[in-house]
Amino acid sequence: MPTSKRKTCVFRKTRRRIQKGGGQGMGKPNMDAIGINSADLLKAKLQLKPRSSSSSSSSSSSSSSSSSSSSPRSPSRLKSRSKSPSRLKSRSSSSSSPKGDVKTPPVDKILESDILFQDKDVCILKPDVKKGILIFTHYTQPEGMQSLCEAGLKTGVKLKEEGVDFGRTMIHDYIFFRAPYLYGEIDYTSVETEIASSFAPDMFEIPSLVWIRIDPDKSKVYSSEIRAEFNPQFEYGSPKYLELKEKEIKKSGKYMNEYLKILEENKKAMDKIKADEKPMYHLFNSEVHFTKQNYTLKYPFNKYDINKHSEVLVRRPHLTSEFFVKCT
């Protein structure tokens, strides 16, 4: 059984603030909005180097036999954290750490006038306000059609209603966006510096990406790998199959500010990984744990780095270009 994460977390009541200034590809989900490429294509374009050499152990096969004479310890019982923004708490790396261990950058208050669209999953801000966080989706430009940078993106349900065959069997009522890879202070000097703050500097000019701006206090993040790992015992793509899949995915929902703090804690934990261990990520609470190299991972644990396999769902049938901060 896996070894529990070695950090004891202390919570302090504070809300993350960000300094003023300023779809397929979520792991392995099925993206059905026009303009979404396959997971493999996006991974090939966006593959980033691990934070440290120790994290390379995450590529170890999850199917290795557990022949070690000493079985790994079982992780503590973990719960999904899907809290309202008013209840989000900072996490420190140990019970003895000072309260200021995890920094939460301040932000100018987001006003109602800054918001373009809001529902239960996401709060999209106006492109030109220097607030919030940028997220992206990858699209495929159909031949002979108006540029999607001008026409906008549509959900699978919307395309089906319009009689468009876009080659998907899983039809969703949302567009998938990739959640940030990094936690930290955001540099609002330019769109390029914003992208570098939350993702990577070399992503600014990657083609076929649409970037939008969201409020991290009112937008949720979900674990993409649940789509690949959890398979209900019903006909693939059937209404019951989709219903159970969506129900399972919702277990991983958490507000983005909490997700970002978990990324910071995971980064600190990875600095202490041992040579004979490999990381595994809990798909509901997004936390990293460690186990022996030969241990076969079992659901809901997964070997893929959670910060590159998390998604934001935009349930707007037609996401027009007025929402785009940048389209390449």
Protein backbone atom coordinates (compact mmCIF):
# COMPACT_ATOMS: atom_id res chain seq x y z
CA MET A 1 0.00 0.00 0.00
CA PRO A 2 1.18 3.58 -0.66
CA THR A 3 3.03 5.73 1.78
CA SER A 4 1.21 8.80 2.95
CA LYS A 5 2.44 12.27 2.17
CA ARG A 6 5.00 13.22 4.80
CA LYS A 7 3.77 16.74 5.44
CA THR A 8 1.43 17.82 8.15
CA CYS A 9 -0.61 20.77 6.94
CA VAL A 10 -1.63 23.64 9.13
CA PHE A 11 -4.42 25.81 7.83
CA ARG A 12 -4.87 29.50 8.37
CA LYS A 13 -7.95 31.44 7.38
CA THR A 14 -7.01 33.68 4.51
CA ARG A 15 -8.07 34.20 0.95
CA ARG A 16 -5.65 34.23 -1.89
CA ARG A 17 -5.26 37.57 -3.59
CA ILE A 18 -3.35 38.40 -6.73
CA GLN A 19 -1.26 41.52 -7.38
CA LYS A 20 -2.84 44.20 -9.57
CA GLY A 21 -1.45 44.65 -13.04
CA GLY A 22 -1.90 42.73 -15.97
CA GLY A 23 -9.64 21.16 -24.81
CA GLN A 24 -8.55 18.10 -25.61
CA GLY A 25 -5.40 18.13 -23.56
CA MET A 26 -6.59 17.89 -19.98
CA GLY A 27 -4.71 14.71 -19.37
CA LYS A 28 -6.84 12.34 -21.46
CA PRO A 29 -10.36 13.78 -21.52
CA ASN A 30 -12.59 13.62 -24.57
CA MET A 31 -12.87 17.12 -25.94
CA ASP A 32 -15.75 17.60 -28.31
CA ALA A 33 -15.77 21.34 -28.94
CA ILE A 34 -14.65 22.21 -32.44
CA GLY A 35 -11.12 23.43 -32.26
CA ILE A 36 -9.92 20.85 -29.71
CA ASN A 37 -7.01 18.60 -30.61
CA SER A 38 -6.19 15.16 -29.27
CA ALA A 39 -4.52 14.78 -25.89
CA ASP A 40 -1.40 13.31 -27.45
CA LEU A 41 -0.93 16.28 -29.81
CA LEU A 42 -1.27 18.83 -27.03
CA LYS A 43 1.02 16.89 -24.71
CA ALA A 44 3.65 16.77 -27.47
CA LYS A 45 3.47 20.53 -27.93
CA LEU A 46 3.38 21.49 -24.31
CA GLN A 47 5.67 18.91 -22.71
CA LEU A 48 7.64 20.69 -19.99
CA LYS A 49 10.68 19.55 -18.06
CA PRO A 50 10.08 18.26 -14.52
CA ARG A 51 10.78 20.66 -11.66
CA SER A 52 13.66 18.51 -10.48
CA SER A 53 15.45 15.32 -11.41
CA SER A 54 13.74 13.56 -8.54
CA SER A 55 10.31 14.09 -10.05
CA SER A 56 11.27 12.01 -13.09
CA SER A 57 10.33 8.98 -11.11
CA SER A 58 6.71 9.79 -11.89
CA SER A 59 7.23 8.14 -15.29
CA SER A 60 7.78 4.77 -13.65
CA SER A 61 5.28 2.21 -14.82
CA SER A 62 2.23 1.98 -12.61
CA SER A 63 1.98 -1.69 -13.54
CA SER A 64 5.17 -2.76 -11.79
CA SER A 65 4.73 -5.79 -9.59
CA SER A 66 4.65 -5.25 -5.85
CA SER A 67 7.23 -7.92 -5.03
CA SER A 68 9.02 -5.96 -2.32
CA SER A 69 9.34 -7.80 0.96
CA SER A 70 8.05 -4.79 2.85
CA SER A 71 4.72 -3.43 1.69
CA PRO A 72 4.28 0.35 1.44
CA ARG A 73 2.22 1.97 4.11
CA SER A 74 -1.32 3.00 3.35
CA PRO A 75 -2.03 6.73 2.96
CA SER A 76 -4.32 8.41 5.42
CA ARG A 77 -7.97 8.68 4.44
CA LEU A 78 -8.31 11.65 2.13
CA LYS A 79 -11.29 13.86 1.44
CA SER A 80 -12.18 15.99 -1.57
CA ARG A 81 -12.03 19.70 -0.86
CA SER A 82 -14.77 21.53 -2.75
CA LYS A 83 -15.28 24.58 -0.59
CA SER A 84 -16.71 27.99 -1.22
CA PRO A 85 -14.06 30.71 -1.61
CA SER A 86 -14.92 32.24 1.75
CA ARG A 87 -13.79 29.04 3.46
CA LEU A 88 -10.49 28.52 1.64
CA LYS A 89 -7.50 28.14 3.91
CA SER A 90 -3.77 28.42 3.36
CA ARG A 91 -1.64 25.35 3.98
CA SER A 92 1.86 25.31 5.49
CA SER A 93 4.34 22.51 5.02
CA SER A 94 4.47 21.39 8.65
CA SER A 95 2.77 21.95 11.98
CA SER A 96 5.76 23.94 13.19
CA SER A 97 6.02 26.19 10.12
CA PRO A 98 5.25 29.90 10.47
CA LYS A 99 1.91 31.10 9.24
CA GLY A 100 3.57 33.03 6.42
CA ASP A 101 5.12 29.88 4.91
CA VAL A 102 2.76 29.84 1.93
CA LYS A 103 2.44 33.30 0.44
CA THR A 104 -0.89 34.45 -0.90
CA PRO A 105 -0.40 37.44 -3.20
CA PRO A 106 -2.89 40.30 -2.79
CA VAL A 107 -5.23 41.38 -5.59
CA ASP A 108 -7.43 44.29 -6.42
CA LYS A 109 -10.99 43.32 -5.68
CA ILE A 110 -12.81 41.90 -8.68
CA LEU A 111 -15.94 43.93 -9.35
CA GLU A 112 -19.23 42.91 -10.93
CA SER A 113 -18.33 45.20 -13.82
CA ASP A 114 -15.21 43.05 -14.47
CA ILE A 115 -17.28 39.90 -15.12
CA LEU A 116 -18.40 38.77 -18.58
CA PHE A 117 -19.89 35.38 -17.67
CA GLN A 118 -20.43 33.34 -14.52
CA ASP A 119 -22.02 29.99 -13.71
CA LYS A 120 -21.49 27.19 -11.18
CA ASP A 121 -18.08 26.22 -12.61
CA VAL A 122 -16.37 29.36 -13.87
CA CYS A 123 -16.29 33.14 -13.63
CA ILE A 124 -14.84 34.70 -16.81
CA LEU A 125 -13.49 38.24 -16.61
CA LYS A 126 -13.11 40.89 -19.27
CA PRO A 127 -9.89 40.34 -21.23
CA ASP A 128 -8.40 43.76 -20.50
CA VAL A 129 -8.76 43.83 -16.70
CA LYS A 130 -5.44 43.16 -14.98
CA LYS A 131 -6.92 40.75 -12.47
CA GLY A 132 -7.54 37.03 -12.17
CA ILE A 133 -5.63 34.21 -13.87
CA LEU A 134 -5.20 33.18 -17.51
CA ILE A 135 -6.11 29.67 -18.68
CA PHE A 136 -6.02 28.12 -22.15
CA THR A 137 -7.57 25.59 -24.49
CA HIS A 138 -6.16 24.12 -27.69
CA TYR A 139 -8.21 24.20 -30.89
CA THR A 140 -8.01 22.79 -34.41
CA GLN A 141 -8.79 25.20 -37.23
CA PRO A 142 -11.22 23.51 -39.68
CA GLU A 143 -10.26 23.88 -43.32
CA GLY A 144 -12.31 26.29 -45.35
CA MET A 145 -13.88 27.94 -42.31
CA GLN A 146 -13.57 31.38 -40.75
CA SER A 147 -10.71 31.67 -38.28
CA LEU A 148 -11.81 30.42 -34.86
CA CYS A 149 -9.95 33.37 -33.37
CA GLU A 150 -12.73 35.45 -34.94
CA ALA A 151 -15.65 32.99 -34.96
CA GLY A 152 -15.10 31.69 -31.41
CA LEU A 153 -15.40 28.20 -29.94
CA LYS A 154 -18.51 26.06 -29.47
CA THR A 155 -19.36 23.14 -27.22
CA GLY A 156 -20.04 19.67 -28.59
CA VAL A 157 -23.74 19.99 -27.76
CA LYS A 158 -23.97 23.27 -29.69
CA LEU A 159 -22.19 21.81 -32.71
CA LYS A 160 -24.46 18.78 -32.71
CA GLU A 161 -27.51 21.04 -32.62
CA GLU A 162 -26.13 22.81 -35.70
CA GLY A 163 -25.60 19.51 -37.50
CA VAL A 164 -21.81 19.66 -37.43
CA ASP A 165 -20.00 16.31 -37.42
CA PHE A 166 -16.79 16.92 -35.51
CA GLY A 167 -15.72 13.31 -35.07
CA ARG A 168 -16.53 12.79 -31.38
CA THR A 169 -18.65 10.15 -29.70
CA MET A 170 -18.61 11.83 -26.28
CA ILE A 171 -20.71 14.96 -26.52
CA HIS A 172 -20.24 17.55 -23.74
CA ASP A 173 -21.98 20.80 -22.94
CA TYR A 174 -18.73 22.52 -22.02
CA ILE A 175 -15.33 23.47 -23.43
CA PHE A 176 -12.23 22.21 -21.62
CA PHE A 177 -9.54 24.64 -20.49
CA ARG A 178 -6.23 23.76 -18.89
CA ALA A 179 -5.72 24.85 -15.28
CA PRO A 180 -2.45 26.62 -14.30
CA TYR A 181 0.73 24.61 -13.84
CA LEU A 182 2.27 26.92 -11.25
CA TYR A 183 1.44 28.75 -8.02
CA GLY A 184 2.98 32.10 -7.18
CA GLU A 185 3.00 35.84 -7.70
CA ILE A 186 1.55 36.91 -11.05
CA ASP A 187 3.38 39.52 -13.10
CA TYR A 188 0.71 41.62 -14.82
CA THR A 189 3.19 43.66 -16.87
CA SER A 190 1.98 41.98 -20.07
CA VAL A 191 -0.02 38.97 -21.24
CA GLU A 192 3.28 37.23 -21.88
CA THR A 193 4.45 37.70 -18.28
CA GLU A 194 1.05 36.55 -16.98
CA ILE A 195 1.33 33.32 -18.98
CA ALA A 196 4.89 32.79 -17.73
CA SER A 197 3.72 33.29 -14.13
CA SER A 198 1.08 30.53 -14.31
CA PHE A 199 2.41 28.21 -17.02
CA ALA A 200 5.75 28.65 -18.80
CA PRO A 201 7.47 31.44 -20.75
CA ASP A 202 7.70 29.40 -23.97
CA MET A 203 3.92 28.95 -24.17
CA PHE A 204 3.22 32.53 -25.24
CA GLU A 205 3.68 31.85 -28.97
CA ILE A 206 2.47 28.23 -29.17
CA PRO A 207 -0.05 28.16 -32.04
CA SER A 208 -3.74 27.24 -31.82
CA LEU A 209 -4.27 28.28 -28.20
CA VAL A 210 -7.12 30.43 -26.87
CA TRP A 211 -6.52 32.23 -23.56
CA ILE A 212 -9.25 33.59 -21.30
CA ARG A 213 -9.16 35.34 -17.91
CA ILE A 214 -10.97 33.92 -14.87
CA ASP A 215 -11.59 34.73 -11.22
CA PRO A 216 -9.78 32.06 -9.12
CA ASP A 217 -12.13 32.65 -6.19
CA LYS A 218 -15.19 31.67 -8.25
CA SER A 219 -13.83 29.12 -10.70
CA LYS A 220 -13.44 25.39 -10.04
CA VAL A 221 -10.74 22.95 -11.07
CA TYR A 222 -11.29 19.25 -11.77
CA SER A 223 -8.88 16.31 -12.21
CA SER A 224 -8.72 15.35 -15.89
CA GLU A 225 -7.34 11.85 -15.38
CA ILE A 226 -10.64 10.71 -13.84
CA ARG A 227 -11.97 10.70 -17.39
CA ALA A 228 -9.36 8.10 -18.37
CA GLU A 229 -9.29 6.06 -15.17
CA PHE A 230 -12.96 5.81 -14.20
CA ASN A 231 -15.12 3.73 -16.55
CA PRO A 232 -18.74 3.06 -15.53
CA GLN A 233 -20.12 -0.36 -16.41
CA PHE A 234 -22.51 0.97 -19.01
CA GLU A 235 -22.34 1.36 -22.77
CA TYR A 236 -19.63 3.83 -23.69
CA GLY A 237 -21.10 7.26 -24.37
CA SER A 238 -24.61 6.31 -23.21
CA PRO A 239 -26.57 8.77 -21.04
CA LYS A 240 -26.05 6.62 -17.94
CA TYR A 241 -22.33 6.29 -18.68
CA LEU A 242 -21.98 10.06 -18.99
CA GLU A 243 -24.07 10.69 -15.88
CA LEU A 244 -21.87 8.48 -13.69
CA LYS A 245 -18.67 9.83 -15.23
CA GLU A 246 -19.71 13.42 -14.52
CA LYS A 247 -20.70 12.51 -10.96
CA GLU A 248 -17.26 11.03 -10.35
CA ILE A 249 -15.46 14.03 -11.83
CA LYS A 250 -17.39 16.38 -9.54
CA LYS A 251 -15.77 14.68 -6.53
CA SER A 252 -12.49 16.34 -7.51
CA GLY A 253 -13.92 19.87 -7.73
CA LYS A 254 -12.17 22.61 -5.77
CA TYR A 255 -11.89 26.37 -6.17
CA MET A 256 -8.79 27.42 -8.06
CA ASN A 257 -7.24 29.29 -5.14
CA GLU A 258 -7.26 26.09 -3.12
CA TYR A 259 -5.91 24.10 -6.08
CA LEU A 260 -3.01 26.55 -6.47
CA LYS A 261 -2.06 26.23 -2.81
CA ILE A 262 -2.08 22.45 -3.16
CA LEU A 263 0.35 22.80 -6.08
CA GLU A 264 2.69 24.75 -3.83
CA GLU A 265 2.52 22.07 -1.14
CA ASN A 266 3.09 19.34 -3.72
CA LYS A 267 6.19 21.14 -4.96
CA LYS A 268 7.61 21.25 -1.44
CA ALA A 269 6.82 17.58 -0.92
CA MET A 270 8.60 16.58 -4.13
CA ASP A 271 11.80 18.13 -2.80
CA LYS A 272 11.84 15.38 -0.14
CA ILE A 273 11.12 12.35 -2.31
CA LYS A 274 13.48 9.39 -1.71
CA ALA A 275 15.41 7.51 -4.39
CA ASP A 276 13.33 4.34 -3.95
CA GLU A 277 10.00 6.17 -4.11
CA LYS A 278 7.72 7.45 -6.84
CA PRO A 279 5.01 10.12 -6.62
CA MET A 280 1.32 9.40 -6.98
CA TYR A 281 -1.50 11.92 -7.08
CA HIS A 282 -4.89 11.53 -5.47
CA LEU A 283 -7.42 12.38 -8.15
CA PHE A 284 -10.00 13.80 -5.73
CA ASN A 285 -7.92 16.13 -3.54
CA SER A 286 -4.95 16.63 -5.95
CA GLU A 287 -2.33 15.98 -3.25
CA VAL A 288 0.91 14.14 -3.95
CA HIS A 289 1.85 11.02 -1.97
CA PHE A 290 4.79 8.66 -2.24
CA THR A 291 5.10 4.91 -2.59
CA LYS A 292 7.73 2.31 -3.46
CA GLN A 293 8.81 2.11 -7.09
CA ASN A 294 7.37 -1.39 -7.55
CA TYR A 295 3.94 -0.59 -6.15
CA THR A 296 1.05 -0.82 -8.64
CA LEU A 297 -1.09 2.27 -8.32
CA LYS A 298 -4.81 1.83 -7.77
CA TYR A 299 -7.62 4.25 -8.42
CA PRO A 300 -8.06 7.03 -7.31
CA PHE A 301 -4.25 7.35 -7.33
CA ASN A 302 -2.55 8.24 -10.60
CA LYS A 303 1.06 8.72 -11.73
CA TYR A 304 0.52 11.85 -13.84
CA ASP A 305 1.54 15.21 -12.40
CA ILE A 306 -1.71 16.80 -11.24
CA ASN A 307 -0.65 20.32 -12.17
CA LYS A 308 -0.51 19.36 -15.87
CA HIS A 309 -3.66 17.27 -15.82
CA SER A 310 -6.32 19.52 -14.30
CA GLU A 311 -9.13 21.32 -16.11
CA VAL A 312 -11.61 24.17 -15.95
CA LEU A 313 -15.03 23.67 -17.57
CA VAL A 314 -16.67 26.50 -19.51
CA ARG A 315 -20.36 25.75 -20.09
CA ARG A 316 -21.01 28.53 -22.56
CA PRO A 317 -22.46 27.13 -25.83
CA HIS A 318 -20.67 29.72 -27.95
CA LEU A 319 -17.55 31.32 -26.51
CA THR A 320 -17.13 34.32 -28.79
CA SER A 321 -13.93 36.22 -29.45
CA GLU A 322 -14.91 38.99 -27.00
CA PHE A 323 -13.84 36.57 -24.23
CA PHE A 324 -10.37 35.95 -25.68
CA VAL A 325 -7.35 37.57 -24.04
CA LYS A 326 -5.15 36.04 -26.75
CA CYS A 327 -5.69 33.65 -29.67
CA THR A 328 -2.70 32.25 -31.55
